[in-house]
N, C-alpha and C. Protein backbone atom coordinates (compact mmCIF):
# COMPACT_ATOMS: atom_id res chain seq x y z
N MET A 1 8.73 30.37 21.09
CA MET A 1 8.02 31.48 22.09
C MET A 1 7.39 30.36 23.18
N THR A 2 7.88 31.02 24.47
CA THR A 2 7.38 30.18 25.41
C THR A 2 6.00 30.43 26.07
N LYS A 3 5.33 29.43 26.72
CA LYS A 3 3.95 29.83 27.14
C LYS A 3 3.91 31.01 27.93
N ALA A 4 4.86 31.56 28.77
CA ALA A 4 4.83 32.69 29.36
C ALA A 4 4.70 34.05 28.53
N ALA A 5 5.40 33.75 27.59
CA ALA A 5 5.67 34.98 26.68
C ALA A 5 4.22 34.96 25.70
N LYS A 6 3.67 33.88 25.54
CA LYS A 6 2.33 33.82 24.91
C LYS A 6 1.16 34.48 25.66
N LYS A 7 1.02 34.08 26.91
CA LYS A 7 0.29 34.81 27.75
C LYS A 7 0.35 36.34 27.87
N GLN A 8 1.77 36.75 27.79
CA GLN A 8 1.93 38.29 28.37
C GLN A 8 1.79 39.22 26.70
N ASP A 9 1.62 38.58 25.80
CA ASP A 9 1.73 39.07 24.58
C ASP A 9 -0.01 39.71 24.26
N PRO A 10 -0.44 40.85 24.25
CA PRO A 10 -1.74 41.03 24.02
C PRO A 10 -2.24 40.85 22.41
N LYS A 11 -1.23 41.26 21.75
CA LYS A 11 -1.52 41.08 20.40
C LYS A 11 -1.65 39.46 19.79
N LEU A 12 -0.95 38.78 20.49
CA LEU A 12 -1.18 37.27 20.32
C LEU A 12 -2.20 36.90 20.70
N THR A 13 -2.95 37.22 21.88
CA THR A 13 -4.09 36.69 22.30
C THR A 13 -5.52 37.21 21.49
N GLU A 14 -5.20 38.42 21.10
CA GLU A 14 -6.26 38.87 19.94
C GLU A 14 -5.91 38.18 18.83
N THR A 15 -5.03 37.75 18.46
CA THR A 15 -5.04 37.00 17.26
C THR A 15 -5.71 35.69 17.55
N LEU A 16 -5.40 35.12 18.49
CA LEU A 16 -6.01 33.77 18.74
C LEU A 16 -7.78 34.04 19.20
N TYR A 17 -8.13 35.05 19.45
CA TYR A 17 -9.55 35.27 19.57
C TYR A 17 -10.26 35.58 18.38
N GLU A 18 -9.49 35.95 17.21
CA GLU A 18 -9.94 36.28 16.06
C GLU A 18 -10.01 34.86 15.01
N MET A 19 -9.21 33.79 15.64
CA MET A 19 -9.26 32.61 14.74
C MET A 19 -10.38 31.66 15.09
N ILE A 20 -11.10 32.06 15.95
CA ILE A 20 -12.60 31.50 16.61
C ILE A 20 -13.44 32.46 16.30
N ARG A 21 -14.36 32.30 15.33
CA ARG A 21 -15.29 33.23 14.81
C ARG A 21 -16.50 33.09 15.71
N THR A 22 -17.20 32.21 15.05
CA THR A 22 -18.44 31.63 15.76
C THR A 22 -18.59 30.10 16.11
N PRO A 23 -19.25 29.72 17.16
CA PRO A 23 -19.62 28.13 17.01
C PRO A 23 -20.77 27.84 16.07
N VAL A 24 -20.73 26.85 15.45
CA VAL A 24 -21.72 26.41 14.57
C VAL A 24 -22.62 25.53 15.43
N ILE A 25 -24.12 26.10 15.30
CA ILE A 25 -25.15 25.59 16.17
C ILE A 25 -25.86 24.91 15.25
N THR A 26 -25.77 23.78 14.72
CA THR A 26 -26.59 22.93 13.79
C THR A 26 -27.14 21.47 14.39
N GLU A 27 -27.80 20.83 13.75
CA GLU A 27 -28.17 19.63 14.23
C GLU A 27 -27.06 18.38 14.04
N LYS A 28 -26.15 18.58 13.07
CA LYS A 28 -25.07 17.83 12.92
C LYS A 28 -24.06 18.11 13.67
N ALA A 29 -23.88 19.46 13.95
CA ALA A 29 -22.77 19.82 14.94
C ALA A 29 -23.09 19.56 16.44
N THR A 30 -24.28 19.53 16.83
CA THR A 30 -24.60 19.35 18.40
C THR A 30 -24.61 17.61 18.53
N MET A 31 -24.82 17.13 17.46
CA MET A 31 -24.49 15.53 17.33
C MET A 31 -23.26 15.03 17.83
N GLY A 32 -22.43 15.74 17.24
CA GLY A 32 -20.88 15.58 17.53
C GLY A 32 -20.43 15.91 19.29
N SER A 33 -21.38 16.51 20.02
CA SER A 33 -21.08 16.69 21.36
C SER A 33 -20.90 15.48 22.13
N GLN A 34 -21.62 14.41 21.50
CA GLN A 34 -21.69 12.72 22.27
C GLN A 34 -20.34 12.18 22.01
N TYR A 35 -19.32 12.71 21.03
CA TYR A 35 -17.90 12.52 20.78
C TYR A 35 -17.13 13.23 21.31
N ASN A 36 -17.61 14.33 21.93
CA ASN A 36 -16.58 15.26 22.63
C ASN A 36 -16.04 16.27 21.56
N GLN A 37 -16.96 16.65 20.49
CA GLN A 37 -16.59 17.58 19.44
C GLN A 37 -17.38 18.98 19.43
N VAL A 38 -16.63 19.89 18.95
CA VAL A 38 -17.13 21.11 19.30
C VAL A 38 -16.80 21.86 17.59
N THR A 39 -17.76 22.39 17.03
CA THR A 39 -17.48 22.92 15.80
C THR A 39 -17.68 24.48 15.81
N PHE A 40 -16.45 24.93 15.01
CA PHE A 40 -16.43 26.38 14.97
C PHE A 40 -16.20 26.77 13.46
N ARG A 41 -16.70 27.99 13.36
CA ARG A 41 -16.49 28.82 12.31
C ARG A 41 -14.85 29.57 12.14
N VAL A 42 -14.14 29.59 11.44
CA VAL A 42 -12.72 29.89 11.35
C VAL A 42 -12.54 30.74 10.24
N PRO A 43 -11.36 31.31 9.91
CA PRO A 43 -10.91 32.18 8.98
C PRO A 43 -10.32 30.99 7.90
N VAL A 44 -10.49 31.42 6.38
CA VAL A 44 -10.04 30.43 5.31
C VAL A 44 -8.52 30.17 5.48
N ALA A 45 -7.93 31.42 6.18
CA ALA A 45 -6.45 31.11 5.79
C ALA A 45 -5.75 30.29 7.28
N ALA A 46 -6.80 29.98 8.36
CA ALA A 46 -6.34 29.32 9.50
C ALA A 46 -5.90 28.06 8.98
N ASN A 47 -4.90 27.59 9.95
CA ASN A 47 -4.40 25.88 9.76
C ASN A 47 -4.79 25.50 10.99
N LYS A 48 -4.70 23.95 11.00
CA LYS A 48 -4.87 23.00 12.01
C LYS A 48 -4.11 23.59 13.29
N ALA A 49 -2.96 23.78 13.30
CA ALA A 49 -2.04 24.01 14.45
C ALA A 49 -2.68 25.34 15.23
N ILE A 50 -2.69 26.29 14.24
CA ILE A 50 -3.12 27.65 14.76
C ILE A 50 -4.65 27.47 15.67
N ILE A 51 -5.69 26.72 14.92
CA ILE A 51 -6.87 26.52 15.39
C ILE A 51 -6.82 25.88 16.90
N LYS A 52 -6.03 24.79 16.82
CA LYS A 52 -5.62 23.97 18.17
C LYS A 52 -5.05 24.83 19.29
N ASP A 53 -4.05 25.86 18.70
CA ASP A 53 -3.44 26.64 20.01
C ASP A 53 -4.72 27.80 20.40
N ALA A 54 -5.37 28.24 19.56
CA ALA A 54 -6.54 29.41 19.87
C ALA A 54 -7.61 28.38 20.71
N VAL A 55 -8.11 27.38 20.55
CA VAL A 55 -9.04 26.63 21.25
C VAL A 55 -8.39 26.58 22.64
N GLU A 56 -7.22 25.87 22.76
CA GLU A 56 -6.68 25.71 24.06
C GLU A 56 -6.26 26.87 24.83
N ALA A 57 -5.81 28.14 24.18
CA ALA A 57 -5.83 29.30 24.97
C ALA A 57 -7.01 30.07 25.48
N VAL A 58 -8.01 30.14 24.47
CA VAL A 58 -9.36 30.78 24.94
C VAL A 58 -10.25 29.94 26.03
N PHE A 59 -10.36 28.47 25.54
CA PHE A 59 -11.23 27.83 26.18
C PHE A 59 -10.55 27.10 27.48
N LYS A 60 -9.08 26.90 27.70
CA LYS A 60 -8.52 26.44 28.62
C LYS A 60 -8.92 24.89 28.54
N VAL A 61 -8.87 24.24 27.51
CA VAL A 61 -9.01 22.90 27.48
C VAL A 61 -7.84 22.26 26.56
N LYS A 62 -8.05 20.82 26.66
CA LYS A 62 -6.97 20.11 25.91
C LYS A 62 -7.64 19.58 24.64
N VAL A 63 -7.04 19.86 23.51
CA VAL A 63 -7.30 19.46 22.16
C VAL A 63 -6.67 18.26 21.57
N THR A 64 -7.31 17.32 21.24
CA THR A 64 -6.50 16.06 20.94
C THR A 64 -6.70 15.79 19.45
N LYS A 65 -7.55 16.74 18.49
CA LYS A 65 -7.68 16.40 17.28
C LYS A 65 -8.47 17.51 16.37
N VAL A 66 -8.29 18.12 15.26
CA VAL A 66 -8.68 19.04 14.65
C VAL A 66 -8.91 18.47 13.23
N ASN A 67 -10.03 18.61 12.74
CA ASN A 67 -10.47 18.52 11.33
C ASN A 67 -10.95 19.67 10.74
N THR A 68 -10.96 20.04 9.62
CA THR A 68 -11.01 21.19 8.79
C THR A 68 -11.78 20.85 7.70
N SER A 69 -12.84 21.71 7.20
CA SER A 69 -13.64 21.51 5.96
C SER A 69 -13.68 22.91 5.41
N THR A 70 -13.47 23.21 3.93
CA THR A 70 -13.67 24.40 3.48
C THR A 70 -14.50 24.24 2.50
N GLN A 71 -15.47 25.03 2.54
CA GLN A 71 -16.71 25.22 1.44
C GLN A 71 -16.50 26.22 0.54
N LEU A 72 -16.38 25.99 -0.81
CA LEU A 72 -16.04 27.14 -1.73
C LEU A 72 -17.26 27.71 -2.10
N GLY A 73 -17.36 29.12 -2.18
CA GLY A 73 -18.35 30.17 -2.70
C GLY A 73 -19.03 29.66 -3.92
N LYS A 74 -20.17 30.05 -4.03
CA LYS A 74 -20.72 29.60 -5.39
C LYS A 74 -21.47 31.00 -5.99
N THR A 75 -21.64 30.88 -7.25
CA THR A 75 -22.37 32.21 -7.89
C THR A 75 -23.82 31.91 -7.93
N LYS A 76 -24.57 33.07 -7.20
CA LYS A 76 -25.96 33.14 -7.03
C LYS A 76 -26.57 34.33 -7.91
N THR A 77 -27.95 34.15 -8.35
CA THR A 77 -28.62 35.16 -8.97
C THR A 77 -29.67 35.75 -8.39
N PHE A 78 -29.51 36.91 -8.21
CA PHE A 78 -30.69 37.76 -7.12
C PHE A 78 -31.00 38.77 -8.09
N ARG A 79 -32.58 38.67 -8.67
CA ARG A 79 -32.94 39.65 -9.33
C ARG A 79 -32.13 40.07 -10.72
N GLY A 80 -31.95 39.06 -11.44
CA GLY A 80 -31.10 39.38 -12.47
C GLY A 80 -29.68 39.64 -12.43
N ALA A 81 -29.27 39.86 -11.07
CA ALA A 81 -27.91 40.19 -10.92
C ALA A 81 -27.15 39.13 -10.17
N LYS A 82 -25.94 38.75 -10.76
CA LYS A 82 -25.19 37.51 -10.45
C LYS A 82 -24.33 38.29 -9.13
N ALA A 83 -24.10 37.37 -8.22
CA ALA A 83 -23.44 37.70 -6.95
C ALA A 83 -22.38 36.38 -6.44
N PHE A 84 -21.42 36.66 -5.83
CA PHE A 84 -20.41 35.18 -5.61
C PHE A 84 -20.54 35.40 -4.03
N ARG A 85 -20.81 34.13 -3.38
CA ARG A 85 -20.65 33.83 -1.94
C ARG A 85 -19.35 33.95 -1.73
N SER A 86 -18.88 34.21 -0.59
CA SER A 86 -17.17 34.16 -0.21
C SER A 86 -17.28 32.59 0.28
N ASP A 87 -16.00 32.14 0.27
CA ASP A 87 -15.46 30.85 0.62
C ASP A 87 -15.88 31.00 2.49
N SER A 88 -15.89 29.63 2.92
CA SER A 88 -16.11 29.61 4.15
C SER A 88 -15.23 28.33 4.82
N LYS A 89 -14.83 28.56 6.01
CA LYS A 89 -14.29 27.21 6.78
C LYS A 89 -14.61 26.80 8.05
N LYS A 90 -14.85 25.50 8.30
CA LYS A 90 -15.19 25.50 9.67
C LYS A 90 -14.27 24.31 10.00
N ALA A 91 -13.87 24.24 11.40
CA ALA A 91 -13.13 23.26 12.20
C ALA A 91 -13.82 22.65 13.13
N ILE A 92 -13.70 21.19 13.24
CA ILE A 92 -14.40 20.39 14.24
C ILE A 92 -13.36 19.81 15.10
N VAL A 93 -13.37 20.37 16.31
CA VAL A 93 -12.43 20.32 17.27
C VAL A 93 -12.74 19.11 18.34
N THR A 94 -11.95 18.04 18.33
CA THR A 94 -12.39 17.02 19.22
C THR A 94 -11.21 17.23 20.70
N LEU A 95 -12.12 17.15 21.71
CA LEU A 95 -11.57 17.52 23.09
C LEU A 95 -11.02 16.08 23.73
N ALA A 96 -10.28 16.51 24.68
CA ALA A 96 -9.66 15.06 25.41
C ALA A 96 -10.83 14.74 26.21
N GLU A 97 -10.72 13.50 26.72
CA GLU A 97 -11.73 12.92 27.66
C GLU A 97 -11.94 13.59 29.02
N GLY A 98 -13.06 13.92 29.35
CA GLY A 98 -13.37 14.84 30.51
C GLY A 98 -13.45 16.30 30.10
N GLN A 99 -12.96 16.80 29.27
CA GLN A 99 -13.05 18.19 28.61
C GLN A 99 -14.27 18.64 28.03
N ALA A 100 -14.89 19.75 28.22
CA ALA A 100 -16.06 20.19 27.74
C ALA A 100 -16.19 21.85 27.18
N ILE A 101 -16.66 22.32 26.40
CA ILE A 101 -16.72 23.55 26.04
C ILE A 101 -18.51 23.94 26.09
N ASP A 102 -18.89 24.87 26.80
CA ASP A 102 -20.19 25.16 26.75
C ASP A 102 -20.42 26.39 25.72
N VAL A 103 -20.91 26.26 24.67
CA VAL A 103 -20.86 27.35 23.42
C VAL A 103 -22.01 28.03 23.62
N ALA A 104 -23.09 27.78 24.41
CA ALA A 104 -24.00 28.54 24.66
C ALA A 104 -24.00 29.78 25.46
N THR A 105 -23.03 29.55 26.42
CA THR A 105 -22.64 30.76 27.21
C THR A 105 -21.84 31.79 26.87
N GLY A 106 -20.82 31.37 25.80
CA GLY A 106 -19.69 32.39 25.38
C GLY A 106 -18.67 32.28 26.16
N VAL A 107 -17.76 33.22 25.71
CA VAL A 107 -16.47 33.39 26.31
C VAL A 107 -16.51 34.36 27.44
């Protein structure tokens, strides 16, 4: 699929927006900004290539590397009832030199 076809397909752009759920705003994630890194929550089924394409398309930046981390859900007890937290995944995206994403303003 060519880049022109990707821009015209509304379903594809909607899928790219779904790949980037929310930015992670923690002390550790904000410390990554000095290394040109931004952290996002992503779907558990997303792979690195899809995440890279989504960040490049949505934010119009050049991505050099994507690292992912999956946190498995755990069982918690609340008032005697057991509940299971769902799995979650985050992606640490390294941007090219001179590129930046301001996660505070949104898309």
